[in-house]
Amino acid sequence: MIAGYFKGLIIKNKKFIVNEVLAVKGLMQLLMKQRNTGQTWTEEEVSAIKKHLRNISKIIPALIIFMLPGGSLLLPFLAEILDRRKTSR
């Protein structure tokens, strides 16, 4: 139920979130690394993603969920929602 609520918030704000993520140079490529290459993020990459999302969450409160303990486990979920391709690789 809570996951559905947050998924709805992210989907509702998807266009705005994508624009903000694209405004941060390299964040979209970093966020999609796992989906595009199958490689996992390093600790440095996860901390960089969280830092950028922390800044974006000041504008979009729905992204606060990723700053909570264990929020980094949801990053693949965010990447799936923000993926702009019609089919997965």
N, C-alpha and C. Protein backbone atom coordinates (compact mmCIF):
# COMPACT_ATOMS: atom_id res chain seq x y z
N MET A 1 0.82 -1.19 0.00
CA MET A 1 0.00 0.00 0.00
C MET A 1 0.87 1.25 0.00
N ILE A 2 1.88 1.27 0.86
CA ILE A 2 2.77 2.44 0.91
C ILE A 2 3.59 2.52 -0.37
N ALA A 3 4.05 1.37 -0.86
CA ALA A 3 4.84 1.35 -2.10
C ALA A 3 4.00 1.88 -3.26
N GLY A 4 2.74 1.50 -3.31
CA GLY A 4 1.84 1.99 -4.35
C GLY A 4 1.63 3.49 -4.26
N TYR A 5 1.57 3.99 -3.03
CA TYR A 5 1.40 5.44 -2.82
C TYR A 5 2.61 6.20 -3.37
N PHE A 6 3.82 5.73 -3.02
CA PHE A 6 5.02 6.41 -3.49
C PHE A 6 5.20 6.25 -4.99
N LYS A 7 4.85 5.08 -5.51
CA LYS A 7 4.94 4.87 -6.95
C LYS A 7 4.01 5.84 -7.67
N GLY A 8 2.81 6.02 -7.13
CA GLY A 8 1.87 6.98 -7.71
C GLY A 8 2.40 8.41 -7.68
N LEU A 9 3.05 8.78 -6.56
CA LEU A 9 3.63 10.12 -6.46
C LEU A 9 4.74 10.32 -7.49
N ILE A 10 5.58 9.31 -7.63
CA ILE A 10 6.69 9.44 -8.58
C ILE A 10 6.16 9.48 -10.01
N ILE A 11 5.20 8.63 -10.32
CA ILE A 11 4.63 8.62 -11.67
C ILE A 11 3.92 9.94 -11.95
N LYS A 12 3.22 10.47 -10.97
CA LYS A 12 2.51 11.74 -11.12
C LYS A 12 3.48 12.88 -11.42
N ASN A 13 4.67 12.83 -10.81
CA ASN A 13 5.67 13.87 -10.99
C ASN A 13 6.79 13.46 -11.94
N LYS A 14 6.58 12.39 -12.71
CA LYS A 14 7.64 11.82 -13.54
C LYS A 14 8.26 12.84 -14.49
N LYS A 15 7.46 13.60 -15.17
CA LYS A 15 7.99 14.56 -16.15
C LYS A 15 8.88 15.58 -15.45
N PHE A 16 8.44 16.09 -14.33
CA PHE A 16 9.21 17.08 -13.59
C PHE A 16 10.49 16.46 -13.03
N ILE A 17 10.39 15.24 -12.51
CA ILE A 17 11.56 14.54 -11.96
C ILE A 17 12.59 14.29 -13.07
N VAL A 18 12.14 13.84 -14.23
CA VAL A 18 13.04 13.58 -15.35
C VAL A 18 13.75 14.86 -15.75
N ASN A 19 13.02 15.98 -15.82
CA ASN A 19 13.65 17.25 -16.17
C ASN A 19 14.71 17.66 -15.16
N GLU A 20 14.43 17.46 -13.88
CA GLU A 20 15.40 17.80 -12.84
C GLU A 20 16.61 16.88 -12.89
N VAL A 21 16.38 15.59 -13.12
CA VAL A 21 17.49 14.63 -13.19
C VAL A 21 18.35 14.93 -14.41
N LEU A 22 17.73 15.29 -15.53
CA LEU A 22 18.50 15.62 -16.72
C LEU A 22 19.29 16.91 -16.55
N ALA A 23 18.80 17.81 -15.69
CA ALA A 23 19.50 19.08 -15.46
C ALA A 23 20.83 18.86 -14.73
N VAL A 24 20.92 17.79 -13.97
CA VAL A 24 22.17 17.47 -13.27
C VAL A 24 23.02 16.63 -14.22
N LYS A 25 24.11 17.20 -14.67
CA LYS A 25 24.95 16.54 -15.68
C LYS A 25 25.44 15.18 -15.19
N GLY A 26 25.14 14.15 -15.96
CA GLY A 26 25.62 12.80 -15.69
C GLY A 26 24.75 11.97 -14.75
N LEU A 27 23.76 12.57 -14.11
CA LEU A 27 22.95 11.82 -13.16
C LEU A 27 22.09 10.76 -13.85
N MET A 28 21.49 11.08 -14.97
CA MET A 28 20.64 10.11 -15.67
C MET A 28 21.48 8.92 -16.13
N GLN A 29 22.68 9.17 -16.66
CA GLN A 29 23.53 8.07 -17.09
C GLN A 29 23.94 7.21 -15.90
N LEU A 30 24.23 7.86 -14.78
CA LEU A 30 24.61 7.12 -13.59
C LEU A 30 23.44 6.31 -13.05
N LEU A 31 22.26 6.91 -13.05
CA LEU A 31 21.07 6.22 -12.56
C LEU A 31 20.71 5.03 -13.44
N MET A 32 20.93 5.15 -14.74
CA MET A 32 20.57 4.08 -15.68
C MET A 32 21.70 3.06 -15.89
N LYS A 33 22.84 3.26 -15.23
CA LYS A 33 23.98 2.36 -15.42
C LYS A 33 23.60 0.91 -15.17
N GLN A 34 22.91 0.66 -14.09
CA GLN A 34 22.55 -0.71 -13.74
C GLN A 34 21.60 -1.32 -14.76
N ARG A 35 20.67 -0.53 -15.27
CA ARG A 35 19.71 -1.05 -16.26
C ARG A 35 20.36 -1.24 -17.62
N ASN A 36 21.27 -0.33 -17.99
CA ASN A 36 21.88 -0.40 -19.32
C ASN A 36 22.99 -1.42 -19.43
N THR A 37 23.82 -1.53 -18.39
CA THR A 37 25.00 -2.39 -18.48
C THR A 37 24.90 -3.65 -17.65
N GLY A 38 23.98 -3.69 -16.68
CA GLY A 38 23.87 -4.84 -15.81
C GLY A 38 24.87 -4.81 -14.66
N GLN A 39 25.73 -3.79 -14.63
CA GLN A 39 26.71 -3.66 -13.55
C GLN A 39 26.05 -2.99 -12.35
N THR A 40 26.50 -3.35 -11.17
CA THR A 40 25.95 -2.71 -9.96
C THR A 40 26.69 -1.41 -9.71
N TRP A 41 26.03 -0.52 -8.96
CA TRP A 41 26.65 0.75 -8.60
C TRP A 41 27.70 0.53 -7.53
N THR A 42 28.76 1.30 -7.57
CA THR A 42 29.76 1.27 -6.51
C THR A 42 29.25 2.13 -5.35
N GLU A 43 29.90 2.04 -4.21
CA GLU A 43 29.52 2.85 -3.05
C GLU A 43 29.60 4.33 -3.38
N GLU A 44 30.62 4.74 -4.13
CA GLU A 44 30.78 6.15 -4.51
C GLU A 44 29.63 6.59 -5.41
N GLU A 45 29.22 5.73 -6.33
CA GLU A 45 28.12 6.07 -7.24
C GLU A 45 26.80 6.19 -6.48
N VAL A 46 26.57 5.28 -5.55
CA VAL A 46 25.34 5.35 -4.74
C VAL A 46 25.31 6.63 -3.92
N SER A 47 26.46 6.99 -3.33
CA SER A 47 26.48 8.22 -2.54
C SER A 47 26.30 9.45 -3.43
N ALA A 48 26.85 9.42 -4.65
CA ALA A 48 26.65 10.54 -5.59
C ALA A 48 25.18 10.64 -5.99
N ILE A 49 24.55 9.51 -6.28
CA ILE A 49 23.13 9.51 -6.65
C ILE A 49 22.30 10.07 -5.49
N LYS A 50 22.59 9.59 -4.27
CA LYS A 50 21.82 10.06 -3.11
C LYS A 50 22.03 11.55 -2.87
N LYS A 51 23.26 12.04 -3.10
CA LYS A 51 23.53 13.46 -2.92
C LYS A 51 22.70 14.29 -3.89
N HIS A 52 22.68 13.86 -5.15
CA HIS A 52 21.90 14.58 -6.17
C HIS A 52 20.40 14.49 -5.87
N LEU A 53 19.94 13.32 -5.46
CA LEU A 53 18.52 13.17 -5.14
C LEU A 53 18.15 13.99 -3.91
N ARG A 54 19.07 14.14 -2.97
CA ARG A 54 18.82 14.97 -1.79
C ARG A 54 18.59 16.42 -2.23
N ASN A 55 19.40 16.90 -3.17
CA ASN A 55 19.21 18.26 -3.66
C ASN A 55 17.91 18.40 -4.44
N ILE A 56 17.59 17.41 -5.25
CA ILE A 56 16.34 17.46 -6.03
C ILE A 56 15.13 17.32 -5.12
N SER A 57 15.26 16.58 -4.01
CA SER A 57 14.12 16.37 -3.11
C SER A 57 13.70 17.66 -2.41
N LYS A 58 14.55 18.67 -2.42
CA LYS A 58 14.16 19.98 -1.88
C LYS A 58 13.09 20.60 -2.75
N ILE A 59 13.09 20.23 -4.03
CA ILE A 59 12.09 20.74 -4.98
C ILE A 59 10.92 19.77 -5.09
N ILE A 60 11.21 18.47 -5.07
CA ILE A 60 10.19 17.43 -5.24
C ILE A 60 10.17 16.57 -3.98
N PRO A 61 9.30 16.86 -3.03
CA PRO A 61 9.28 16.13 -1.76
C PRO A 61 9.05 14.62 -1.89
N ALA A 62 8.48 14.15 -2.98
CA ALA A 62 8.22 12.71 -3.14
C ALA A 62 9.52 11.91 -3.16
N LEU A 63 10.64 12.54 -3.46
CA LEU A 63 11.91 11.83 -3.52
C LEU A 63 12.56 11.65 -2.15
N ILE A 64 11.94 12.17 -1.10
CA ILE A 64 12.46 12.02 0.25
C ILE A 64 12.59 10.54 0.63
N ILE A 65 11.75 9.69 0.08
CA ILE A 65 11.76 8.25 0.40
C ILE A 65 13.14 7.64 0.16
N PHE A 66 13.89 8.18 -0.81
CA PHE A 66 15.21 7.63 -1.13
C PHE A 66 16.27 8.06 -0.13
N MET A 67 15.96 9.03 0.72
CA MET A 67 16.90 9.49 1.73
C MET A 67 16.71 8.76 3.06
N LEU A 68 15.61 8.06 3.21
CA LEU A 68 15.35 7.32 4.43
C LEU A 68 16.27 6.11 4.52
N PRO A 69 16.47 5.56 5.72
CA PRO A 69 17.29 4.35 5.84
C PRO A 69 16.74 3.24 4.94
N GLY A 70 17.61 2.67 4.16
CA GLY A 70 17.20 1.62 3.23
C GLY A 70 16.68 2.16 1.91
N GLY A 71 16.65 3.46 1.76
CA GLY A 71 16.14 4.08 0.54
C GLY A 71 16.95 3.75 -0.69
N SER A 72 18.23 3.45 -0.49
CA SER A 72 19.07 3.12 -1.65
C SER A 72 18.65 1.79 -2.27
N LEU A 73 17.94 0.96 -1.51
CA LEU A 73 17.43 -0.30 -2.08
C LEU A 73 16.34 -0.04 -3.10
N LEU A 74 15.75 1.16 -3.06
CA LEU A 74 14.68 1.51 -3.99
C LEU A 74 15.20 2.20 -5.26
N LEU A 75 16.50 2.45 -5.34
CA LEU A 75 17.04 3.15 -6.51
C LEU A 75 16.76 2.41 -7.83
N PRO A 76 16.86 1.08 -7.89
CA PRO A 76 16.50 0.40 -9.14
C PRO A 76 15.03 0.64 -9.52
N PHE A 77 14.18 0.75 -8.52
CA PHE A 77 12.77 1.05 -8.76
C PHE A 77 12.62 2.42 -9.41
N LEU A 78 13.36 3.42 -8.91
CA LEU A 78 13.32 4.77 -9.49
C LEU A 78 13.85 4.74 -10.91
N ALA A 79 14.93 4.01 -11.14
CA ALA A 79 15.48 3.91 -12.49
C ALA A 79 14.48 3.28 -13.45
N GLU A 80 13.74 2.29 -12.97
CA GLU A 80 12.73 1.64 -13.82
C GLU A 80 11.63 2.62 -14.20
N ILE A 81 11.18 3.42 -13.25
CA ILE A 81 10.10 4.37 -13.52
C ILE A 81 10.57 5.49 -14.45
N LEU A 82 11.80 5.96 -14.25
CA LEU A 82 12.30 7.08 -15.05
C LEU A 82 12.84 6.66 -16.41
N ASP A 83 12.96 5.35 -16.66
CA ASP A 83 13.47 4.86 -17.93
C ASP A 83 12.53 5.32 -19.04
N ARG A 84 13.09 6.02 -20.01
CA ARG A 84 12.28 6.59 -21.09
C ARG A 84 12.16 5.71 -22.29
N ARG A 85 12.82 4.55 -22.28
CA ARG A 85 12.72 3.63 -23.40
C ARG A 85 11.38 2.89 -23.34
N LYS A 86 10.93 2.47 -24.47
CA LYS A 86 9.68 1.72 -24.54
C LYS A 86 9.89 0.26 -24.15
N THR A 87 11.08 -0.28 -24.47
CA THR A 87 11.38 -1.67 -24.13
C THR A 87 12.66 -1.71 -23.32
N SER A 88 12.81 -2.71 -22.47
CA SER A 88 14.04 -2.84 -21.69
C SER A 88 15.08 -3.58 -22.51
N ARG A 89 16.32 -3.44 -22.13
CA ARG A 89 17.42 -4.10 -22.86
C ARG A 89 17.63 -5.48 -22.35
